[in-house]
Amino acid sequence: YAMGWFRQAPGKEREFVAAIRWSGSST
């Protein structure tokens, strides 16, 4: 699985933070 981090502040839309491929070779 590829995995990612998102974040959301009050009153704001959820936004992308970071992601990583299964192999870890690409971030």
PDB file of all heavy atoms in Angstrom:
ATOM      1  N   TYR A   1       0.823  -1.206   0.000  1.00  0.00           N
ATOM      2  CA  TYR A   1       0.000   0.000   0.000  1.00  0.00           C
ATOM      3  C   TYR A   1       0.857   1.256   0.000  1.00  0.00           C
ATOM      4  O   TYR A   1       1.882   1.324   0.680  1.00  0.00           O
ATOM      5  CB  TYR A   1      -0.895   0.042   1.238  1.00  0.00           C
ATOM      6  CG  TYR A   1      -2.200  -0.694   1.103  1.00  0.00           C
ATOM      7  CD1 TYR A   1      -2.234  -2.038   0.771  1.00  0.00           C
ATOM      8  CD2 TYR A   1      -3.404  -0.027   1.327  1.00  0.00           C
ATOM      9  CE1 TYR A   1      -3.439  -2.705   0.649  1.00  0.00           C
ATOM     10  CE2 TYR A   1      -4.609  -0.685   1.218  1.00  0.00           C
ATOM     11  CZ  TYR A   1      -4.625  -2.029   0.881  1.00  0.00           C
ATOM     12  OH  TYR A   1      -5.821  -2.690   0.780  1.00  0.00           O
ATOM     13  N   ALA A   2       0.400   2.227  -0.749  1.00  0.00           N
ATOM     14  CA  ALA A   2       0.926   3.574  -0.603  1.00  0.00           C
ATOM     15  C   ALA A   2       0.214   4.212   0.578  1.00  0.00           C
ATOM     16  O   ALA A   2      -0.958   3.926   0.830  1.00  0.00           O
ATOM     17  CB  ALA A   2       0.680   4.392  -1.864  1.00  0.00           C
ATOM     18  N   MET A   3       0.912   5.065   1.306  1.00  0.00           N
ATOM     19  CA  MET A   3       0.310   5.689   2.475  1.00  0.00           C
ATOM     20  C   MET A   3       0.600   7.178   2.496  1.00  0.00           C
ATOM     21  O   MET A   3       1.610   7.632   1.945  1.00  0.00           O
ATOM     22  CB  MET A   3       0.812   5.030   3.764  1.00  0.00           C
ATOM     23  CG  MET A   3       0.498   3.550   3.832  1.00  0.00           C
ATOM     24  SD  MET A   3       0.762   2.820   5.469  1.00  0.00           S
ATOM     25  CE  MET A   3      -0.623   3.534   6.372  1.00  0.00           C
ATOM     26  N   GLY A   4      -0.284   7.912   3.144  1.00  0.00           N
ATOM     27  CA  GLY A   4      -0.119   9.354   3.188  1.00  0.00           C
ATOM     28  C   GLY A   4      -0.593   9.958   4.488  1.00  0.00           C
ATOM     29  O   GLY A   4      -1.265   9.308   5.296  1.00  0.00           O
ATOM     30  N   TRP A   5      -0.210  11.196   4.678  1.00  0.00           N
ATOM     31  CA  TRP A   5      -0.667  11.998   5.803  1.00  0.00           C
ATOM     32  C   TRP A   5      -1.427  13.213   5.276  1.00  0.00           C
ATOM     33  O   TRP A   5      -0.969  13.880   4.344  1.00  0.00           O
ATOM     34  CB  TRP A   5       0.504  12.489   6.662  1.00  0.00           C
ATOM     35  CG  TRP A   5       1.166  11.428   7.485  1.00  0.00           C
ATOM     36  CD1 TRP A   5       2.299  10.749   7.192  1.00  0.00           C
ATOM     37  CD2 TRP A   5       0.727  10.952   8.761  1.00  0.00           C
ATOM     38  NE1 TRP A   5       2.612   9.868   8.195  1.00  0.00           N
ATOM     39  CE2 TRP A   5       1.660   9.969   9.179  1.00  0.00           C
ATOM     40  CE3 TRP A   5      -0.350  11.244   9.591  1.00  0.00           C
ATOM     41  CZ2 TRP A   5       1.536   9.290  10.391  1.00  0.00           C
ATOM     42  CZ3 TRP A   5      -0.473  10.567  10.794  1.00  0.00           C
ATOM     43  CH2 TRP A   5       0.465   9.605  11.178  1.00  0.00           C
ATOM     44  N   PHE A   6      -2.565  13.474   5.886  1.00  0.00           N
ATOM     45  CA  PHE A   6      -3.357  14.668   5.610  1.00  0.00           C
ATOM     46  C   PHE A   6      -3.608  15.382   6.927  1.00  0.00           C
ATOM     47  O   PHE A   6      -3.457  14.805   8.009  1.00  0.00           O
ATOM     48  CB  PHE A   6      -4.693  14.300   4.962  1.00  0.00           C
ATOM     49  CG  PHE A   6      -4.577  13.824   3.544  1.00  0.00           C
ATOM     50  CD1 PHE A   6      -4.112  12.551   3.257  1.00  0.00           C
ATOM     51  CD2 PHE A   6      -4.930  14.651   2.485  1.00  0.00           C
ATOM     52  CE1 PHE A   6      -4.000  12.108   1.951  1.00  0.00           C
ATOM     53  CE2 PHE A   6      -4.829  14.220   1.178  1.00  0.00           C
ATOM     54  CZ  PHE A   6      -4.359  12.949   0.911  1.00  0.00           C
ATOM     55  N   ARG A   7      -4.001  16.639   6.840  1.00  0.00           N
ATOM     56  CA  ARG A   7      -4.338  17.373   8.056  1.00  0.00           C
ATOM     57  C   ARG A   7      -5.514  18.306   7.797  1.00  0.00           C
ATOM     58  O   ARG A   7      -5.753  18.731   6.670  1.00  0.00           O
ATOM     59  CB  ARG A   7      -3.136  18.166   8.579  1.00  0.00           C
ATOM     60  CG  ARG A   7      -2.677  19.303   7.681  1.00  0.00           C
ATOM     61  CD  ARG A   7      -1.390  19.913   8.219  1.00  0.00           C
ATOM     62  NE  ARG A   7      -0.942  21.038   7.415  1.00  0.00           N
ATOM     63  CZ  ARG A   7       0.207  21.684   7.598  1.00  0.00           C
ATOM     64  NH1 ARG A   7       1.028  21.297   8.581  1.00  0.00           N
ATOM     65  NH2 ARG A   7       0.538  22.699   6.822  1.00  0.00           N
ATOM     66  N   GLN A   8      -6.224  18.622   8.871  1.00  0.00           N
ATOM     67  CA  GLN A   8      -7.376  19.500   8.758  1.00  0.00           C
ATOM     68  C   GLN A   8      -7.473  20.394   9.987  1.00  0.00           C
ATOM     69  O   GLN A   8      -7.553  19.904  11.114  1.00  0.00           O
ATOM     70  CB  GLN A   8      -8.660  18.695   8.601  1.00  0.00           C
ATOM     71  CG  GLN A   8      -9.883  19.549   8.341  1.00  0.00           C
ATOM     72  CD  GLN A   8     -11.087  18.723   7.938  1.00  0.00           C
ATOM     73  OE1 GLN A   8     -11.182  17.539   8.269  1.00  0.00           O
ATOM     74  NE2 GLN A   8     -11.997  19.327   7.206  1.00  0.00           N
ATOM     75  N   ALA A   9      -7.461  21.686   9.755  1.00  0.00           N
ATOM     76  CA  ALA A   9      -7.641  22.668  10.808  1.00  0.00           C
ATOM     77  C   ALA A   9      -9.104  23.075  10.859  1.00  0.00           C
ATOM     78  O   ALA A   9      -9.819  22.964   9.853  1.00  0.00           O
ATOM     79  CB  ALA A   9      -6.760  23.891  10.554  1.00  0.00           C
ATOM     80  N   PRO A  10      -9.601  23.553  12.008  1.00  0.00           N
ATOM     81  CA  PRO A  10     -11.004  23.962  12.117  1.00  0.00           C
ATOM     82  C   PRO A  10     -11.382  24.989  11.059  1.00  0.00           C
ATOM     83  O   PRO A  10     -10.663  25.967  10.857  1.00  0.00           O
ATOM     84  CB  PRO A  10     -11.080  24.558  13.524  1.00  0.00           C
ATOM     85  CG  PRO A  10     -10.010  23.852  14.287  1.00  0.00           C
ATOM     86  CD  PRO A  10      -8.891  23.692  13.294  1.00  0.00           C
ATOM     87  N   GLY A  11     -12.487  24.743  10.382  1.00  0.00           N
ATOM     88  CA  GLY A  11     -12.962  25.665   9.371  1.00  0.00           C
ATOM     89  C   GLY A  11     -12.244  25.590   8.042  1.00  0.00           C
ATOM     90  O   GLY A  11     -12.545  26.373   7.138  1.00  0.00           O
ATOM     91  N   LYS A  12     -11.312  24.668   7.904  1.00  0.00           N
ATOM     92  CA  LYS A  12     -10.560  24.530   6.670  1.00  0.00           C
ATOM     93  C   LYS A  12     -10.740  23.139   6.071  1.00  0.00           C
ATOM     94  O   LYS A  12     -11.136  22.202   6.756  1.00  0.00           O
ATOM     95  CB  LYS A  12      -9.076  24.802   6.907  1.00  0.00           C
ATOM     96  CG  LYS A  12      -8.761  26.218   7.361  1.00  0.00           C
ATOM     97  CD  LYS A  12      -7.265  26.433   7.484  1.00  0.00           C
ATOM     98  CE  LYS A  12      -6.941  27.856   7.893  1.00  0.00           C
ATOM     99  NZ  LYS A  12      -5.472  28.065   8.010  1.00  0.00           N
ATOM    100  N   GLU A  13     -10.444  23.042   4.788  1.00  0.00           N
ATOM    101  CA  GLU A  13     -10.523  21.757   4.114  1.00  0.00           C
ATOM    102  C   GLU A  13      -9.331  20.882   4.476  1.00  0.00           C
ATOM    103  O   GLU A  13      -8.256  21.374   4.821  1.00  0.00           O
ATOM    104  CB  GLU A  13     -10.575  21.956   2.598  1.00  0.00           C
ATOM    105  CG  GLU A  13     -11.807  22.688   2.100  1.00  0.00           C
ATOM    106  CD  GLU A  13     -11.844  22.813   0.597  1.00  0.00           C
ATOM    107  OE1 GLU A  13     -10.841  22.463  -0.051  1.00  0.00           O
ATOM    108  OE2 GLU A  13     -12.870  23.248   0.066  1.00  0.00           O
ATOM    109  N   ARG A  14      -9.541  19.592   4.400  1.00  0.00           N
ATOM    110  CA  ARG A  14      -8.446  18.668   4.626  1.00  0.00           C
ATOM    111  C   ARG A  14      -7.412  18.834   3.511  1.00  0.00           C
ATOM    112  O   ARG A  14      -7.764  18.918   2.330  1.00  0.00           O
ATOM    113  CB  ARG A  14      -8.974  17.239   4.659  1.00  0.00           C
ATOM    114  CG  ARG A  14      -7.964  16.223   5.140  1.00  0.00           C
ATOM    115  CD  ARG A  14      -8.610  14.851   5.311  1.00  0.00           C
ATOM    116  NE  ARG A  14      -9.710  14.887   6.248  1.00  0.00           N
ATOM    117  CZ  ARG A  14     -10.395  13.814   6.642  1.00  0.00           C
ATOM    118  NH1 ARG A  14     -10.072  12.620   6.170  1.00  0.00           N
ATOM    119  NH2 ARG A  14     -11.392  13.941   7.491  1.00  0.00           N
ATOM    120  N   GLU A  15      -6.139  18.874   3.881  1.00  0.00           N
ATOM    121  CA  GLU A  15      -5.099  19.096   2.899  1.00  0.00           C
ATOM    122  C   GLU A  15      -4.011  18.029   2.961  1.00  0.00           C
ATOM    123  O   GLU A  15      -3.727  17.456   4.011  1.00  0.00           O
ATOM    124  CB  GLU A  15      -4.468  20.483   3.070  1.00  0.00           C
ATOM    125  CG  GLU A  15      -3.718  20.668   4.380  1.00  0.00           C
ATOM    126  CD  GLU A  15      -3.026  22.016   4.483  1.00  0.00           C
ATOM    127  OE1 GLU A  15      -3.052  22.784   3.501  1.00  0.00           O
ATOM    128  OE2 GLU A  15      -2.453  22.309   5.553  1.00  0.00           O
ATOM    129  N   PHE A  16      -3.406  17.812   1.827  1.00  0.00           N
ATOM    130  CA  PHE A  16      -2.329  16.850   1.703  1.00  0.00           C
ATOM    131  C   PHE A  16      -1.082  17.336   2.424  1.00  0.00           C
ATOM    132  O   PHE A  16      -0.741  18.515   2.370  1.00  0.00           O
ATOM    133  CB  PHE A  16      -2.016  16.632   0.219  1.00  0.00           C
ATOM    134  CG  PHE A  16      -0.763  15.841  -0.029  1.00  0.00           C
ATOM    135  CD1 PHE A  16      -0.753  14.465   0.099  1.00  0.00           C
ATOM    136  CD2 PHE A  16       0.407  16.489  -0.404  1.00  0.00           C
ATOM    137  CE1 PHE A  16       0.398  13.733  -0.131  1.00  0.00           C
ATOM    138  CE2 PHE A  16       1.560  15.770  -0.643  1.00  0.00           C
ATOM    139  CZ  PHE A  16       1.557  14.393  -0.503  1.00  0.00           C
ATOM    140  N   VAL A  17      -0.396  16.422   3.100  1.00  0.00           N
ATOM    141  CA  VAL A  17       0.843  16.740   3.797  1.00  0.00           C
ATOM    142  C   VAL A  17       2.026  15.994   3.189  1.00  0.00           C
ATOM    143  O   VAL A  17       3.023  16.596   2.799  1.00  0.00           O
ATOM    144  CB  VAL A  17       0.755  16.416   5.299  1.00  0.00           C
ATOM    145  CG1 VAL A  17       2.093  16.677   5.985  1.00  0.00           C
ATOM    146  CG2 VAL A  17      -0.352  17.236   5.954  1.00  0.00           C
ATOM    147  N   ALA A  18       1.923  14.671   3.123  1.00  0.00           N
ATOM    148  CA  ALA A  18       3.027  13.857   2.618  1.00  0.00           C
ATOM    149  C   ALA A  18       2.513  12.482   2.231  1.00  0.00           C
ATOM    150  O   ALA A  18       1.465  12.038   2.698  1.00  0.00           O
ATOM    151  CB  ALA A  18       4.133  13.729   3.668  1.00  0.00           C
ATOM    152  N   ALA A  19       3.262  11.788   1.380  1.00  0.00           N
ATOM    153  CA  ALA A  19       2.909  10.432   0.980  1.00  0.00           C
ATOM    154  C   ALA A  19       4.170   9.634   0.695  1.00  0.00           C
ATOM    155  O   ALA A  19       5.238  10.201   0.431  1.00  0.00           O
ATOM    156  CB  ALA A  19       2.004  10.447  -0.251  1.00  0.00           C
ATOM    157  N   ILE A  20       4.026   8.315   0.738  1.00  0.00           N
ATOM    158  CA  ILE A  20       5.151   7.425   0.498  1.00  0.00           C
ATOM    159  C   ILE A  20       4.663   6.168  -0.208  1.00  0.00           C
ATOM    160  O   ILE A  20       3.604   5.633   0.108  1.00  0.00           O
ATOM    161  CB  ILE A  20       5.873   7.086   1.830  1.00  0.00           C
ATOM    162  CG1 ILE A  20       7.150   6.278   1.579  1.00  0.00           C
ATOM    163  CG2 ILE A  20       4.933   6.348   2.782  1.00  0.00           C
ATOM    164  CD1 ILE A  20       8.029   6.158   2.826  1.00  0.00           C
ATOM    165  N   ARG A  21       5.445   5.710  -1.186  1.00  0.00           N
ATOM    166  CA  ARG A  21       5.112   4.482  -1.894  1.00  0.00           C
ATOM    167  C   ARG A  21       5.421   3.264  -1.042  1.00  0.00           C
ATOM    168  O   ARG A  21       6.123   3.347  -0.032  1.00  0.00           O
ATOM    169  CB  ARG A  21       5.892   4.406  -3.211  1.00  0.00           C
ATOM    170  CG  ARG A  21       5.590   5.523  -4.200  1.00  0.00           C
ATOM    171  CD  ARG A  21       4.232   5.329  -4.814  1.00  0.00           C
ATOM    172  NE  ARG A  21       3.985   6.312  -5.868  1.00  0.00           N
ATOM    173  CZ  ARG A  21       2.852   6.439  -6.533  1.00  0.00           C
ATOM    174  NH1 ARG A  21       1.833   5.634  -6.266  1.00  0.00           N
ATOM    175  NH2 ARG A  21       2.721   7.366  -7.467  1.00  0.00           N
ATOM    176  N   TRP A  22       4.909   2.118  -1.459  1.00  0.00           N
ATOM    177  CA  TRP A  22       5.132   0.877  -0.731  1.00  0.00           C
ATOM    178  C   TRP A  22       6.620   0.613  -0.509  1.00  0.00           C
ATOM    179  O   TRP A  22       7.031   0.229   0.596  1.00  0.00           O
ATOM    180  CB  TRP A  22       4.493  -0.293  -1.476  1.00  0.00           C
ATOM    181  CG  TRP A  22       5.099  -1.638  -1.160  1.00  0.00           C
ATOM    182  CD1 TRP A  22       5.809  -2.438  -1.995  1.00  0.00           C
ATOM    183  CD2 TRP A  22       5.039  -2.335   0.091  1.00  0.00           C
ATOM    184  NE1 TRP A  22       6.194  -3.583  -1.363  1.00  0.00           N
ATOM    185  CE2 TRP A  22       5.737  -3.553  -0.064  1.00  0.00           C
ATOM    186  CE3 TRP A  22       4.463  -2.048   1.328  1.00  0.00           C
ATOM    187  CZ2 TRP A  22       5.876  -4.477   0.957  1.00  0.00           C
ATOM    188  CZ3 TRP A  22       4.609  -2.973   2.365  1.00  0.00           C
ATOM    189  CH2 TRP A  22       5.301  -4.166   2.164  1.00  0.00           C
ATOM    190  N   SER A  23       7.411   0.789  -1.533  1.00  0.00           N
ATOM    191  CA  SER A  23       8.831   0.496  -1.439  1.00  0.00           C
ATOM    192  C   SER A  23       9.589   1.500  -0.583  1.00  0.00           C
ATOM    193  O   SER A  23      10.702   1.212  -0.134  1.00  0.00           O
ATOM    194  CB  SER A  23       9.450   0.459  -2.835  1.00  0.00           C
ATOM    195  OG  SER A  23       9.436   1.745  -3.428  1.00  0.00           O
ATOM    196  N   GLY A  24       9.014   2.668  -0.378  1.00  0.00           N
ATOM    197  CA  GLY A  24       9.693   3.716   0.354  1.00  0.00           C
ATOM    198  C   GLY A  24      10.675   4.503  -0.495  1.00  0.00           C
ATOM    199  O   GLY A  24      11.296   5.454  -0.010  1.00  0.00           O
ATOM    200  N   SER A  25      10.806   4.123  -1.753  1.00  0.00           N
ATOM    201  CA  SER A  25      11.772   4.766  -2.629  1.00  0.00           C
ATOM    202  C   SER A  25      11.322   6.134  -3.123  1.00  0.00           C
ATOM    203  O   SER A  25      12.151   6.936  -3.554  1.00  0.00           O
ATOM    204  CB  SER A  25      12.074   3.863  -3.825  1.00  0.00           C
ATOM    205  OG  SER A  25      10.911   3.624  -4.589  1.00  0.00           O
ATOM    206  N   SER A  26      10.034   6.396  -3.063  1.00  0.00           N
ATOM    207  CA  SER A  26       9.496   7.669  -3.519  1.00  0.00           C
ATOM    208  C   SER A  26       8.664   8.307  -2.421  1.00  0.00           C
ATOM    209  O   SER A  26       7.782   7.665  -1.856  1.00  0.00           O
ATOM    210  CB  SER A  26       8.641   7.486  -4.766  1.00  0.00           C
ATOM    211  OG  SER A  26       9.412   6.987  -5.846  1.00  0.00           O
ATOM    212  N   THR A  27       8.965   9.563  -2.135  1.00  0.00           N
ATOM    213  CA  THR A  27       8.196  10.323  -1.154  1.00  0.00           C
ATOM    214  C   THR A  27       7.733  11.625  -1.778  1.00  0.00           C
ATOM    215  O   THR A  27       8.336  12.132  -2.725  1.00  0.00           O
ATOM    216  CB  THR A  27       9.019  10.615   0.105  1.00  0.00           C
ATOM    217  OG1 THR A  27      10.227  11.301  -0.260  1.00  0.00           O
ATOM    218  CG2 THR A  27       9.390   9.322   0.822  1.00  0.00           C
TER     219      THR A  27
END
